[in-house]
C-alpha atoms as a PDB file:
ATOM      1  CA  MET A   1      33.003   6.374  28.979  1.00  0.00           C
ATOM      2  CA  ILE A   2      33.469   9.819  27.541  1.00  0.00           C
ATOM      3  CA  THR A   3      30.999  12.922  28.819  1.00  0.00           C
ATOM      4  CA  ARG A   4      29.766  14.655  26.251  1.00  0.00           C
ATOM      5  CA  THR A   5      29.410  18.605  26.284  1.00  0.00           C
ATOM      6  CA  ALA A   6      26.635  20.183  23.913  1.00  0.00           C
ATOM      7  CA  PRO A   7      27.430  21.811  21.000  1.00  0.00           C
ATOM      8  CA  THR A   8      26.570  25.736  21.467  1.00  0.00           C
ATOM      9  CA  TRP A   9      25.427  26.563  17.897  1.00  0.00           C
ATOM     10  CA  HIS A  10      21.751  27.486  17.712  1.00  0.00           C
ATOM     11  CA  THR A  11      20.950  27.156  13.734  1.00  0.00           C
ATOM     12  CA  GLU A  12      22.434  24.667  11.419  1.00  0.00           C
ATOM     13  CA  ASP A  13      22.206  24.503   7.903  1.00  0.00           C
ATOM     14  CA  TRP A  14      19.738  21.057   8.015  1.00  0.00           C
ATOM     15  CA  GLN A  15      17.106  23.079  10.841  1.00  0.00           C
ATOM     16  CA  ILE A  16      16.923  25.836   8.097  1.00  0.00           C
ATOM     17  CA  LEU A  17      16.362  22.966   5.461  1.00  0.00           C
ATOM     18  CA  LEU A  18      14.224  21.431   7.980  1.00  0.00           C
ATOM     19  CA  SER A  19      12.201  24.383   8.612  1.00  0.00           C
ATOM     20  CA  GLY A  20      11.893  25.476   5.408  1.00  0.00           C
ATOM     21  CA  SER A  21       9.702  22.502   4.125  1.00  0.00           C
ATOM     22  CA  ILE A  22       6.619  23.026   1.814  1.00  0.00           C
ATOM     23  CA  ARG A  23       3.690  22.143   4.463  1.00  0.00           C
ATOM     24  CA  SER A  24       0.335  23.089   2.012  1.00  0.00           C
ATOM     25  CA  PRO A  25      -0.657  21.184  -0.598  1.00  0.00           C
ATOM     26  CA  GLU A  26      -0.860  24.682  -2.694  1.00  0.00           C
ATOM     27  CA  ALA A  27       2.823  25.116  -1.918  1.00  0.00           C
ATOM     28  CA  LEU A  28       3.924  21.669  -3.074  1.00  0.00           C
ATOM     29  CA  TRP A  29       1.400  22.469  -6.337  1.00  0.00           C
ATOM     30  CA  LYS A  30       2.821  25.506  -7.487  1.00  0.00           C
ATOM     31  CA  ARG A  31       6.551  24.187  -6.589  1.00  0.00           C
ATOM     32  CA  LEU A  32       6.367  21.235  -8.992  1.00  0.00           C
ATOM     33  CA  GLU A  33       4.107  22.735 -11.287  1.00  0.00           C
ATOM     34  CA  LEU A  34       1.368  20.199 -10.538  1.00  0.00           C
ATOM     35  CA  PRO A  35      -1.698  20.441 -13.105  1.00  0.00           C
ATOM     36  CA  LEU A  36      -4.105  22.204 -10.982  1.00  0.00           C
ATOM     37  CA  GLU A  37      -7.309  20.166 -11.882  1.00  0.00           C
ATOM     38  CA  THR A  38      -5.774  17.396  -9.275  1.00  0.00           C
ATOM     39  CA  LEU A  39      -5.768  20.106  -6.340  1.00  0.00           C
ATOM     40  CA  PRO A  40      -9.078  19.296  -4.883  1.00  0.00           C
ATOM     41  CA  ALA A  41      -8.003  15.303  -4.409  1.00  0.00           C
ATOM     42  CA  GLY A  42      -4.694  16.725  -2.758  1.00  0.00           C
ATOM     43  CA  LEU A  43      -6.699  18.879  -0.800  1.00  0.00           C
ATOM     44  CA  ARG A  44      -8.651  16.006   0.364  1.00  0.00           C
ATOM     45  CA  GLY A  45      -5.469  14.341   1.121  1.00  0.00           C
ATOM     46  CA  HIS A  46      -3.644  16.615   3.266  1.00  0.00           C
ATOM     47  CA  GLN A  47      -6.597  16.963   5.795  1.00  0.00           C
ATOM     48  CA  ALA A  48      -6.494  13.100   6.452  1.00  0.00           C
ATOM     49  CA  PHE A  49      -2.363  13.191   6.597  1.00  0.00           C
ATOM     50  CA  PRO A  50      -0.796  16.638   6.565  1.00  0.00           C
ATOM     51  CA  VAL A  51       1.628  17.844   4.118  1.00  0.00           C
ATOM     52  CA  ARG A  52       4.974  18.251   4.385  1.00  0.00           C
ATOM     53  CA  VAL A  53       8.572  17.638   1.915  1.00  0.00           C
ATOM     54  CA  PRO A  54      12.192  19.512   2.723  1.00  0.00           C
ATOM     55  CA  GLU A  55      13.623  21.321  -0.463  1.00  0.00           C
ATOM     56  CA  PRO A  56      16.679  18.424  -0.806  1.00  0.00           C
ATOM     57  CA  TYR A  57      13.819  16.305  -1.436  1.00  0.00           C
ATOM     58  CA  LEU A  58      11.670  18.225  -3.692  1.00  0.00           C
ATOM     59  CA  ASP A  59      14.700  19.059  -5.828  1.00  0.00           C
ATOM     60  CA  LYS A  60      14.817  15.374  -7.170  1.00  0.00           C
ATOM     61  CA  ILE A  61      11.502  15.056  -7.937  1.00  0.00           C
ATOM     62  CA  GLN A  62      10.536  15.698 -11.609  1.00  0.00           C
ATOM     63  CA  PRO A  63       8.503  19.375 -11.975  1.00  0.00           C
ATOM     64  CA  GLY A  64       5.443  18.608 -13.937  1.00  0.00           C
ATOM     65  CA  ARG A  65       4.860  14.505 -13.799  1.00  0.00           C
ATOM     66  CA  LEU A  66       2.180  13.373 -11.519  1.00  0.00           C
ATOM     67  CA  ASP A  67       3.648   9.486 -11.953  1.00  0.00           C
ATOM     68  CA  ASP A  68       7.228  10.226 -10.742  1.00  0.00           C
ATOM     69  CA  PRO A  69       8.240   7.403  -8.147  1.00  0.00           C
ATOM     70  CA  LEU A  70       9.422   9.779  -5.780  1.00  0.00           C
ATOM     71  CA  LEU A  71       6.655  12.318  -5.889  1.00  0.00           C
ATOM     72  CA  LEU A  72       3.846   9.434  -5.051  1.00  0.00           C
ATOM     73  CA  GLN A  73       5.649   9.013  -1.646  1.00  0.00           C
ATOM     74  CA  VAL A  74       4.454  12.543  -0.880  1.00  0.00           C
ATOM     75  CA  LEU A  75       2.125  13.417  -2.984  1.00  0.00           C
ATOM     76  CA  PRO A  76      -1.858  13.870  -0.917  1.00  0.00           C
ATOM     77  CA  VAL A  77      -4.349  11.801  -2.765  1.00  0.00           C
ATOM     78  CA  ALA A  78      -7.941  11.644  -2.467  1.00  0.00           C
ATOM     79  CA  ALA A  79      -7.547   8.033  -1.580  1.00  0.00           C
ATOM     80  CA  GLU A  80      -6.227   8.385   1.577  1.00  0.00           C
ATOM     81  CA  SER A  81      -9.870   9.922   3.130  1.00  0.00           C
ATOM     82  CA  GLU A  82     -11.725   6.140   1.817  1.00  0.00           C
ATOM     83  CA  THR A  83     -11.966   3.386   4.211  1.00  0.00           C
ATOM     84  CA  VAL A  84     -11.014  -0.072   3.030  1.00  0.00           C
ATOM     85  CA  PRO A  85     -11.673  -2.839   4.918  1.00  0.00           C
ATOM     86  CA  GLY A  86      -8.773  -4.363   6.433  1.00  0.00           C
ATOM     87  CA  PHE A  87      -6.893  -0.872   6.317  1.00  0.00           C
ATOM     88  CA  VAL A  88      -6.670   0.183  10.214  1.00  0.00           C
ATOM     89  CA  ALA A  89      -5.461   3.358  12.182  1.00  0.00           C
ATOM     90  CA  ASP A  90      -3.020   0.472  14.291  1.00  0.00           C
ATOM     91  CA  PRO A  91      -1.790  -2.196  11.897  1.00  0.00           C
ATOM     92  CA  LEU A  92       0.781  -3.540  14.193  1.00  0.00           C
ATOM     93  CA  GLY A  93      -0.281  -3.562  17.195  1.00  0.00           C
ATOM     94  CA  GLU A  94       1.752  -0.760  18.905  1.00  0.00           C
ATOM     95  CA  ARG A  95      -0.616   0.648  21.173  1.00  0.00           C
ATOM     96  CA  GLN A  96      -0.681  -2.776  23.153  1.00  0.00           C
ATOM     97  CA  ALA A  97       2.946  -2.914  23.434  1.00  0.00           C
ATOM     98  CA  ASN A  98       3.546   0.284  24.739  1.00  0.00           C
ATOM     99  CA  PRO A  99       3.900   0.334  28.423  1.00  0.00           C
ATOM    100  CA  GLN A 100       5.272   3.627  29.323  1.00  0.00           C
ATOM    101  CA  ILE A 101       5.846   6.646  27.592  1.00  0.00           C
ATOM    102  CA  GLY A 102       7.515   7.055  24.401  1.00  0.00           C
ATOM    103  CA  LEU A 103       9.170   3.476  24.683  1.00  0.00           C
ATOM    104  CA  LEU A 104       7.482   0.095  22.562  1.00  0.00           C
ATOM    105  CA  HIS A 105       8.707  -3.327  23.765  1.00  0.00           C
ATOM    106  CA  LYS A 106       7.472  -5.681  20.938  1.00  0.00           C
ATOM    107  CA  TYR A 107      10.558  -7.816  20.575  1.00  0.00           C
ATOM    108  CA  GLN A 108      11.834  -9.662  23.922  1.00  0.00           C
ATOM    109  CA  SER A 109      15.698  -8.374  23.106  1.00  0.00           C
ATOM    110  CA  ARG A 110      15.118  -4.865  22.176  1.00  0.00           C
ATOM    111  CA  VAL A 111      13.086  -1.937  22.544  1.00  0.00           C
ATOM    112  CA  LEU A 112      12.230   1.047  20.162  1.00  0.00           C
ATOM    113  CA  LEU A 113      11.972   4.529  22.019  1.00  0.00           C
ATOM    114  CA  VAL A 114       9.956   7.345  20.055  1.00  0.00           C
ATOM    115  CA  LEU A 115      11.963   9.969  20.319  1.00  0.00           C
ATOM    116  CA  SER A 116      10.095  12.372  17.936  1.00  0.00           C
ATOM    117  CA  GLY A 117       6.471  12.701  17.102  1.00  0.00           C
ATOM    118  CA  ALA A 118       7.696  14.472  13.802  1.00  0.00           C
ATOM    119  CA  CYS A 119       9.483  13.574  10.824  1.00  0.00           C
ATOM    120  CA  ALA A 120      11.434  15.557   8.079  1.00  0.00           C
ATOM    121  CA  VAL A 121       9.248  14.109   5.245  1.00  0.00           C
ATOM    122  CA  ASN A 122       5.574  12.976   5.572  1.00  0.00           C
ATOM    123  CA  CYS A 123       5.599   9.443   3.308  1.00  0.00           C
ATOM    124  CA  ARG A 124       2.214   8.767   2.165  1.00  0.00           C
ATOM    125  CA  TYR A 125       2.456   5.345   2.912  1.00  0.00           C
ATOM    126  CA  CYS A 126       3.753   5.449   6.917  1.00  0.00           C
ATOM    127  CA  PHE A 127       2.289   2.759   8.935  1.00  0.00           C
ATOM    128  CA  ARG A 128       2.555   5.159  12.012  1.00  0.00           C
ATOM    129  CA  ARG A 129       0.393   7.978  10.644  1.00  0.00           C
ATOM    130  CA  HIS A 130      -2.163   7.517  13.151  1.00  0.00           C
ATOM    131  CA  PHE A 131      -0.127   6.974  15.929  1.00  0.00           C
ATOM    132  CA  PRO A 132      -0.669   8.742  19.069  1.00  0.00           C
ATOM    133  CA  TYR A 133       2.283  10.772  19.351  1.00  0.00           C
ATOM    134  CA  ALA A 134       0.944  13.378  21.756  1.00  0.00           C
ATOM    135  CA  ASP A 135       0.406  10.379  24.162  1.00  0.00           C
ATOM    136  CA  ASN A 136       4.307   9.390  23.915  1.00  0.00           C
ATOM    137  CA  ARG A 137       6.191  12.502  23.852  1.00  0.00           C
ATOM    138  CA  LEU A 138       9.753  11.568  25.233  1.00  0.00           C
ATOM    139  CA  SER A 139      11.252  14.656  26.481  1.00  0.00           C
ATOM    140  CA  SER A 140      14.868  14.675  27.883  1.00  0.00           C
ATOM    141  CA  HIS A 141      13.408  15.038  31.472  1.00  0.00           C
ATOM    142  CA  GLU A 142      12.254  11.633  30.540  1.00  0.00           C
ATOM    143  CA  PHE A 143      15.038   9.598  29.971  1.00  0.00           C
ATOM    144  CA  ASP A 144      15.402   8.911  33.618  1.00  0.00           C
ATOM    145  CA  PRO A 145      12.615   6.352  33.843  1.00  0.00           C
ATOM    146  CA  VAL A 146      13.417   4.580  30.381  1.00  0.00           C
ATOM    147  CA  GLY A 147      16.708   4.214  31.899  1.00  0.00           C
ATOM    148  CA  ALA A 148      15.055   2.218  34.974  1.00  0.00           C
ATOM    149  CA  TYR A 149      12.948   0.499  32.800  1.00  0.00           C
ATOM    150  CA  LEU A 150      16.055  -0.893  30.795  1.00  0.00           C
ATOM    151  CA  GLN A 151      17.891  -1.753  34.165  1.00  0.00           C
ATOM    152  CA  ALA A 152      14.582  -3.670  34.971  1.00  0.00           C
ATOM    153  CA  HIS A 153      15.121  -5.397  31.971  1.00  0.00           C
ATOM    154  CA  PRO A 154      18.610  -7.044  31.747  1.00  0.00           C
ATOM    155  CA  GLU A 155      17.433  -9.139  28.529  1.00  0.00           C
ATOM    156  CA  VAL A 156      17.032  -5.711  26.619  1.00  0.00           C
ATOM    157  CA  ASN A 157      20.479  -5.036  24.553  1.00  0.00           C
ATOM    158  CA  GLU A 158      19.311  -3.508  21.584  1.00  0.00           C
ATOM    159  CA  VAL A 159      18.003  -0.131  21.699  1.00  0.00           C
ATOM    160  CA  ILE A 160      16.412   0.955  18.837  1.00  0.00           C
ATOM    161  CA  LEU A 161      15.821   5.200  18.260  1.00  0.00           C
ATOM    162  CA  SER A 162      12.791   5.662  15.601  1.00  0.00           C
ATOM    163  CA  GLY A 163       9.370   7.734  15.571  1.00  0.00           C
ATOM    164  CA  GLY A 164       8.408  10.355  14.214  1.00  0.00           C
ATOM    165  CA  ASP A 165      12.134  10.214  12.983  1.00  0.00           C
ATOM    166  CA  PRO A 166      15.221  10.438  15.883  1.00  0.00           C
ATOM    167  CA  LEU A 167      17.495  12.445  13.416  1.00  0.00           C
ATOM    168  CA  VAL A 168      15.052  15.889  13.618  1.00  0.00           C
ATOM    169  CA  VAL A 169      15.882  16.039  17.334  1.00  0.00           C
ATOM    170  CA  SER A 170      19.208  18.121  18.139  1.00  0.00           C
ATOM    171  CA  ASN A 171      22.481  16.952  18.969  1.00  0.00           C
ATOM    172  CA  ALA A 172      22.719  17.433  22.524  1.00  0.00           C
ATOM    173  CA  ARG A 173      19.385  15.867  23.197  1.00  0.00           C
ATOM    174  CA  ILE A 174      20.863  12.788  20.991  1.00  0.00           C
ATOM    175  CA  SER A 175      24.587  12.907  23.324  1.00  0.00           C
ATOM    176  CA  SER A 176      22.016  12.912  26.498  1.00  0.00           C
ATOM    177  CA  LEU A 177      20.358   9.947  25.728  1.00  0.00           C
ATOM    178  CA  LEU A 178      23.785   8.351  24.352  1.00  0.00           C
ATOM    179  CA  ASN A 179      25.285   8.947  28.269  1.00  0.00           C
ATOM    180  CA  LEU A 180      22.540   7.234  29.648  1.00  0.00           C
ATOM    181  CA  LEU A 181      22.644   4.177  27.677  1.00  0.00           C
ATOM    182  CA  GLU A 182      25.981   3.868  28.188  1.00  0.00           C
ATOM    183  CA  ASN A 183      25.736   3.569  31.560  1.00  0.00           C
ATOM    184  CA  ILE A 184      23.342   0.367  31.058  1.00  0.00           C
ATOM    185  CA  PRO A 185      25.704  -2.334  31.195  1.00  0.00           C
ATOM    186  CA  SER A 186      23.159  -4.842  28.897  1.00  0.00           C
ATOM    187  CA  VAL A 187      22.689  -2.338  26.405  1.00  0.00           C
ATOM    188  CA  GLN A 188      24.797  -3.176  23.492  1.00  0.00           C
ATOM    189  CA  ARG A 189      23.906  -2.012  20.531  1.00  0.00           C
ATOM    190  CA  LEU A 190      21.936   1.324  19.395  1.00  0.00           C
ATOM    191  CA  ARG A 191      20.099   1.278  16.039  1.00  0.00           C
ATOM    192  CA  ILE A 192      18.569   4.372  14.264  1.00  0.00           C
ATOM    193  CA  HIS A 193      15.619   4.026  11.788  1.00  0.00           C
ATOM    194  CA  SER A 194      15.533   7.727   9.759  1.00  0.00           C
ATOM    195  CA  ARG A 195      14.797   9.021   6.840  1.00  0.00           C
ATOM    196  CA  VAL A 196      16.070  12.191   7.330  1.00  0.00           C
ATOM    197  CA  PRO A 197      19.637  11.258   5.651  1.00  0.00           C
ATOM    198  CA  VAL A 198      17.751  10.898   2.654  1.00  0.00           C
ATOM    199  CA  VAL A 199      15.778  14.173   2.474  1.00  0.00           C
ATOM    200  CA  ILE A 200      18.506  15.990   3.957  1.00  0.00           C
ATOM    201  CA  PRO A 201      21.616  14.588   4.268  1.00  0.00           C
ATOM    202  CA  GLN A 202      22.592  17.580   5.391  1.00  0.00           C
ATOM    203  CA  ARG A 203      21.736  16.302   8.770  1.00  0.00           C
ATOM    204  CA  ILE A 204      24.519  14.213   8.927  1.00  0.00           C
ATOM    205  CA  ASP A 205      27.074  17.022  10.977  1.00  0.00           C
ATOM    206  CA  ALA A 206      29.960  17.497  12.986  1.00  0.00           C
ATOM    207  CA  GLY A 207      28.236  17.177  16.204  1.00  0.00           C
ATOM    208  CA  LEU A 208      26.410  13.875  15.230  1.00  0.00           C
ATOM    209  CA  LEU A 209      29.607  11.943  14.363  1.00  0.00           C
ATOM    210  CA  ASP A 210      31.226  13.139  16.838  1.00  0.00           C
ATOM    211  CA  ALA A 211      28.730  11.522  19.362  1.00  0.00           C
ATOM    212  CA  LEU A 212      28.470   8.376  17.117  1.00  0.00           C
ATOM    213  CA  ALA A 213      31.950   7.742  17.082  1.00  0.00           C
ATOM    214  CA  GLN A 214      32.648   8.145  21.112  1.00  0.00           C
ATOM    215  CA  THR A 215      29.769   5.816  22.459  1.00  0.00           C
ATOM    216  CA  ARG A 216      31.012   2.781  23.535  1.00  0.00           C
ATOM    217  CA  LEU A 217      27.476   1.121  22.038  1.00  0.00           C
ATOM    218  CA  ASP A 218      27.949  -0.484  18.454  1.00  0.00           C
ATOM    219  CA  VAL A 219      26.066   1.856  16.509  1.00  0.00           C
ATOM    220  CA  VAL A 220      23.758   0.687  13.443  1.00  0.00           C
ATOM    221  CA  LEU A 221      21.779   3.271  10.880  1.00  0.00           C
ATOM    222  CA  VAL A 222      18.726   2.382   8.835  1.00  0.00           C
ATOM    223  CA  THR A 223      18.725   4.404   6.065  1.00  0.00           C
ATOM    224  CA  HIS A 224      15.182   4.229   4.328  1.00  0.00           C
ATOM    225  CA  SER A 225      15.172   4.676   0.954  1.00  0.00           C
ATOM    226  CA  ASN A 226      12.686   2.924  -1.925  1.00  0.00           C
ATOM    227  CA  HIS A 227      14.011   4.015  -5.137  1.00  0.00           C
ATOM    228  CA  PRO A 228      17.548   4.571  -6.279  1.00  0.00           C
ATOM    229  CA  ARG A 229      16.742   8.183  -7.521  1.00  0.00           C
ATOM    230  CA  GLU A 230      17.083   9.588  -4.281  1.00  0.00           C
ATOM    231  CA  LEU A 231      20.102   9.060  -3.464  1.00  0.00           C
ATOM    232  CA  ASP A 232      22.402  11.418  -4.535  1.00  0.00           C
ATOM    233  CA  ALA A 233      26.368  12.547  -4.292  1.00  0.00           C
ATOM    234  CA  VAL A 234      25.394  14.409  -1.052  1.00  0.00           C
ATOM    235  CA  PHE A 235      23.995  12.041   0.802  1.00  0.00           C
ATOM    236  CA  ASP A 236      26.637   9.904  -0.615  1.00  0.00           C
ATOM    237  CA  THR A 237      29.413  11.889   1.128  1.00  0.00           C
ATOM    238  CA  ALA A 238      27.207  12.054   4.764  1.00  0.00           C
ATOM    239  CA  MET A 239      27.392   7.954   4.417  1.00  0.00           C
ATOM    240  CA  GLY A 240      30.799   7.793   3.721  1.00  0.00           C
ATOM    241  CA  ALA A 241      31.335  10.509   7.320  1.00  0.00           C
ATOM    242  CA  LEU A 242      28.811   7.794   8.888  1.00  0.00           C
ATOM    243  CA  ARG A 243      31.985   4.844   8.076  1.00  0.00           C
ATOM    244  CA  GLN A 244      34.506   6.824   9.241  1.00  0.00           C
ATOM    245  CA  ALA A 245      32.904   7.515  12.488  1.00  0.00           C
ATOM    246  CA  GLY A 246      32.592   3.376  12.648  1.00  0.00           C
ATOM    247  CA  VAL A 247      28.806   3.245  12.200  1.00  0.00           C
ATOM    248  CA  HIS A 248      27.216   0.278  10.119  1.00  0.00           C
ATOM    249  CA  LEU A 249      24.807   0.833   7.390  1.00  0.00           C
ATOM    250  CA  LEU A 250      22.095  -0.803   6.457  1.00  0.00           C
ATOM    251  CA  ASN A 251      18.571   0.233   4.552  1.00  0.00           C
ATOM    252  CA  GLN A 252      14.891  -1.012   4.833  1.00  0.00           C
ATOM    253  CA  ALA A 253      12.406  -0.041   1.700  1.00  0.00           C
ATOM    254  CA  VAL A 254       8.589  -0.774   1.295  1.00  0.00           C
ATOM    255  CA  LEU A 255       7.266  -2.359  -1.748  1.00  0.00           C
ATOM    256  CA  LEU A 256       4.522   0.524  -2.779  1.00  0.00           C
ATOM    257  CA  ARG A 257       2.639   0.167  -6.174  1.00  0.00           C
ATOM    258  CA  GLY A 258       3.897   3.153  -9.010  1.00  0.00           C
ATOM    259  CA  VAL A 259       6.905   3.593  -6.874  1.00  0.00           C
ATOM    260  CA  ASN A 260       9.012   0.322  -6.253  1.00  0.00           C
ATOM    261  CA  ASP A 261       7.357  -2.810  -7.966  1.00  0.00           C
ATOM    262  CA  GLN A 262       9.459  -3.087 -10.921  1.00  0.00           C
ATOM    263  CA  ALA A 263      12.289  -5.848 -10.724  1.00  0.00           C
ATOM    264  CA  ASP A 264      14.911  -3.381 -12.613  1.00  0.00           C
ATOM    265  CA  VAL A 265      14.400  -0.322  -9.954  1.00  0.00           C
ATOM    266  CA  LEU A 266      14.437  -2.672  -6.759  1.00  0.00           C
ATOM    267  CA  VAL A 267      18.072  -3.762  -8.827  1.00  0.00           C
ATOM    268  CA  ALA A 268      18.696  -0.060  -9.673  1.00  0.00           C
ATOM    269  CA  LEU A 269      18.378   0.837  -5.897  1.00  0.00           C
ATOM    270  CA  SER A 270      20.034  -2.336  -4.384  1.00  0.00           C
ATOM    271  CA  GLU A 271      23.293  -1.365  -6.609  1.00  0.00           C
ATOM    272  CA  ARG A 272      23.179   2.173  -6.191  1.00  0.00           C
ATOM    273  CA  LEU A 273      22.780   1.501  -2.210  1.00  0.00           C
ATOM    274  CA  PHE A 274      26.036  -0.864  -2.246  1.00  0.00           C
ATOM    275  CA  GLN A 275      27.760   2.046  -4.364  1.00  0.00           C
ATOM    276  CA  GLY A 276      27.192   4.695  -1.040  1.00  0.00           C
ATOM    277  CA  GLY A 277      28.342   2.021   1.045  1.00  0.00           C
ATOM    278  CA  ILE A 278      24.841   0.458   2.503  1.00  0.00           C
ATOM    279  CA  LEU A 279      23.299  -3.072   2.307  1.00  0.00           C
ATOM    280  CA  PRO A 280      19.925  -3.790   1.789  1.00  0.00           C
ATOM    281  CA  TYR A 281      18.153  -5.258   4.625  1.00  0.00           C
ATOM    282  CA  TYR A 282      14.605  -5.374   4.688  1.00  0.00           C
ATOM    283  CA  LEU A 283      12.227  -5.047   1.681  1.00  0.00           C
ATOM    284  CA  HIS A 284       8.532  -4.723   3.884  1.00  0.00           C
ATOM    285  CA  LEU A 285       5.487  -5.931   2.484  1.00  0.00           C
ATOM    286  CA  LEU A 286       2.814  -2.748   3.180  1.00  0.00           C
ATOM    287  CA  ASP A 287       1.602  -2.206   6.579  1.00  0.00           C
ATOM    288  CA  PRO A 288      -2.054  -1.688   6.345  1.00  0.00           C
ATOM    289  CA  VAL A 289      -2.242   1.361   7.598  1.00  0.00           C
ATOM    290  CA  ALA A 290      -5.553   3.624   7.105  1.00  0.00           C
ATOM    291  CA  GLY A 291      -5.033   5.621   4.423  1.00  0.00           C
ATOM    292  CA  ALA A 292      -2.371   4.242   2.612  1.00  0.00           C
ATOM    293  CA  HIS A 293      -4.135   1.020   0.458  1.00  0.00           C
ATOM    294  CA  HIS A 294      -3.736   2.516  -3.203  1.00  0.00           C
ATOM    295  CA  PHE A 295       0.072   1.519  -2.126  1.00  0.00           C
ATOM    296  CA  ASP A 296      -0.327  -1.716  -1.509  1.00  0.00           C
ATOM    297  CA  VAL A 297       1.603  -4.524  -3.542  1.00  0.00           C
ATOM    298  CA  PRO A 298       0.272  -8.135  -3.362  1.00  0.00           C
ATOM    299  CA  GLU A 299       2.337 -10.717  -1.863  1.00  0.00           C
ATOM    300  CA  ALA A 300       2.094 -13.309  -4.815  1.00  0.00           C
ATOM    301  CA  GLU A 301       3.218  -9.988  -7.182  1.00  0.00           C
ATOM    302  CA  ALA A 302       5.897  -9.410  -4.246  1.00  0.00           C
ATOM    303  CA  ARG A 303       7.528 -12.982  -4.608  1.00  0.00           C
ATOM    304  CA  SER A 304       7.931 -12.596  -8.013  1.00  0.00           C
ATOM    305  CA  LEU A 305      10.124  -9.984  -8.114  1.00  0.00           C
ATOM    306  CA  MET A 306      11.965 -11.007  -5.440  1.00  0.00           C
ATOM    307  CA  VAL A 307      12.788 -14.250  -7.701  1.00  0.00           C
ATOM    308  CA  GLN A 308      13.693 -12.212 -10.492  1.00  0.00           C
ATOM    309  CA  LEU A 309      16.182 -10.210  -8.005  1.00  0.00           C
ATOM    310  CA  HIS A 310      17.649 -13.429  -6.755  1.00  0.00           C
ATOM    311  CA  ARG A 311      18.201 -13.949 -10.423  1.00  0.00           C
ATOM    312  CA  ARG A 312      20.309 -10.684 -11.223  1.00  0.00           C
ATOM    313  CA  LEU A 313      22.026  -9.507  -7.940  1.00  0.00           C
ATOM    314  CA  PRO A 314      24.126 -10.925  -5.721  1.00  0.00           C
ATOM    315  CA  GLY A 315      23.131 -12.386  -2.303  1.00  0.00           C
ATOM    316  CA  PHE A 316      24.640  -9.794  -0.012  1.00  0.00           C
ATOM    317  CA  LEU A 317      22.788  -6.836  -2.383  1.00  0.00           C
ATOM    318  CA  ILE A 318      19.330  -8.867  -1.724  1.00  0.00           C
ATOM    319  CA  PRO A 319      17.005  -7.711   0.574  1.00  0.00           C
ATOM    320  CA  ARG A 320      15.034  -9.878   3.231  1.00  0.00           C
ATOM    321  CA  LEU A 321      11.268  -9.759   2.089  1.00  0.00           C
ATOM    322  CA  VAL A 322       9.228  -9.286   5.305  1.00  0.00           C
ATOM    323  CA  ARG A 323       5.512  -8.322   6.242  1.00  0.00           C
ATOM    324  CA  GLU A 324       5.409  -7.512  10.060  1.00  0.00           C
ATOM    325  CA  ILE A 325       2.453  -9.170  11.981  1.00  0.00           C
ATOM    326  CA  SER A 326       0.943  -8.377  15.137  1.00  0.00           C
ATOM    327  CA  GLY A 327       1.874 -10.403  18.247  1.00  0.00           C
ATOM    328  CA  LYS A 328       5.096 -12.278  16.546  1.00  0.00           C
ATOM    329  CA  PRO A 329       8.302 -12.435  17.754  1.00  0.00           C
ATOM    330  CA  GLY A 330      10.017 -10.436  14.953  1.00  0.00           C
ATOM    331  CA  LYS A 331       9.413 -10.031  11.317  1.00  0.00           C
ATOM    332  CA  THR A 332       8.209 -12.649   9.148  1.00  0.00           C
ATOM    333  CA  LEU A 333      10.196 -13.791   6.250  1.00  0.00           C
ATOM    334  CA  ILE A 334       8.213 -14.674   3.306  1.00  0.00           C
ATOM    335  CA  ASP A 335       8.691 -17.628   1.679  1.00  0.00           C
ATOM    336  CA  LEU A 336       9.739 -17.607  -2.426  1.00  0.00           C
ATOM    337  CA  HIS A 337       9.641 -21.235  -2.962  1.00  0.00           C
ATOM    338  CA  LEU A 338      12.887 -20.949  -4.739  1.00  0.00           C
ATOM    339  CA  SER A 339      14.291 -24.840  -5.416  1.00  0.00           C
END
């Protein structure tokens, strides 16, 4: 095992971009030249779930278009404050699978660490928008209890970093966690779920690449892109650097009304991901979280879209359509009834 040394820099370009994110509806409306008569609805949505959008993502949104599929993912709307039957604060029952601070153990062979309660972007459909991050702040000095838990559960061979977003934390903190995990023989894989490479690709810097290249663990990065326009040349460069560091690249998307609920968009997304060296992994049906009902696409419609993908894409570019159901031992695959 190689012990890493914490980087000596204090502020990186990605940290400047992160700290400069837009955090108010007024600023978002001004930056994107949105109609002012729609701002009151945005203020109501912001009260339900705060706005946060970094500049690199804003650059990809077409100003003045309320129907822009990238804008819809970050735009606060009045519907978020509505109470809709079946849409709840904890749709996946995660509070019942939270045995200690910052750790979720829902599936037998893997645990999830909530490395941060913060995200680089607040997606309006987020299934953890009501998660009690204040009770799950996993600070560096709390890594030792995580190690003790993993030692006591040798059936766990994979650790998943999530949040929030794990890539908003420093390279030093990630390296500290890697050092701990490498001393637990039963842990063989590290999976990182992050939207940061899509919204701030500059985050994939030399310090992070060095840490991931040196670890004995097999590293998988699962990016989260829902639309082909989210991906650009800067993103491709970051993905290429990760591949050179030996990181396996997958993508998961969420099926969202008005964003990617068209076969042409999903086909283009799969093709664009492969262009960047990434394989489509999951296409999630929307988790029924309170405040996100307006994004929901019925399962029957989703199956119809997937049938079209099977006709138009090679098998390795077709994501698996899944739903997560609380208490199940894994994701539930949706039967497409293909003959």
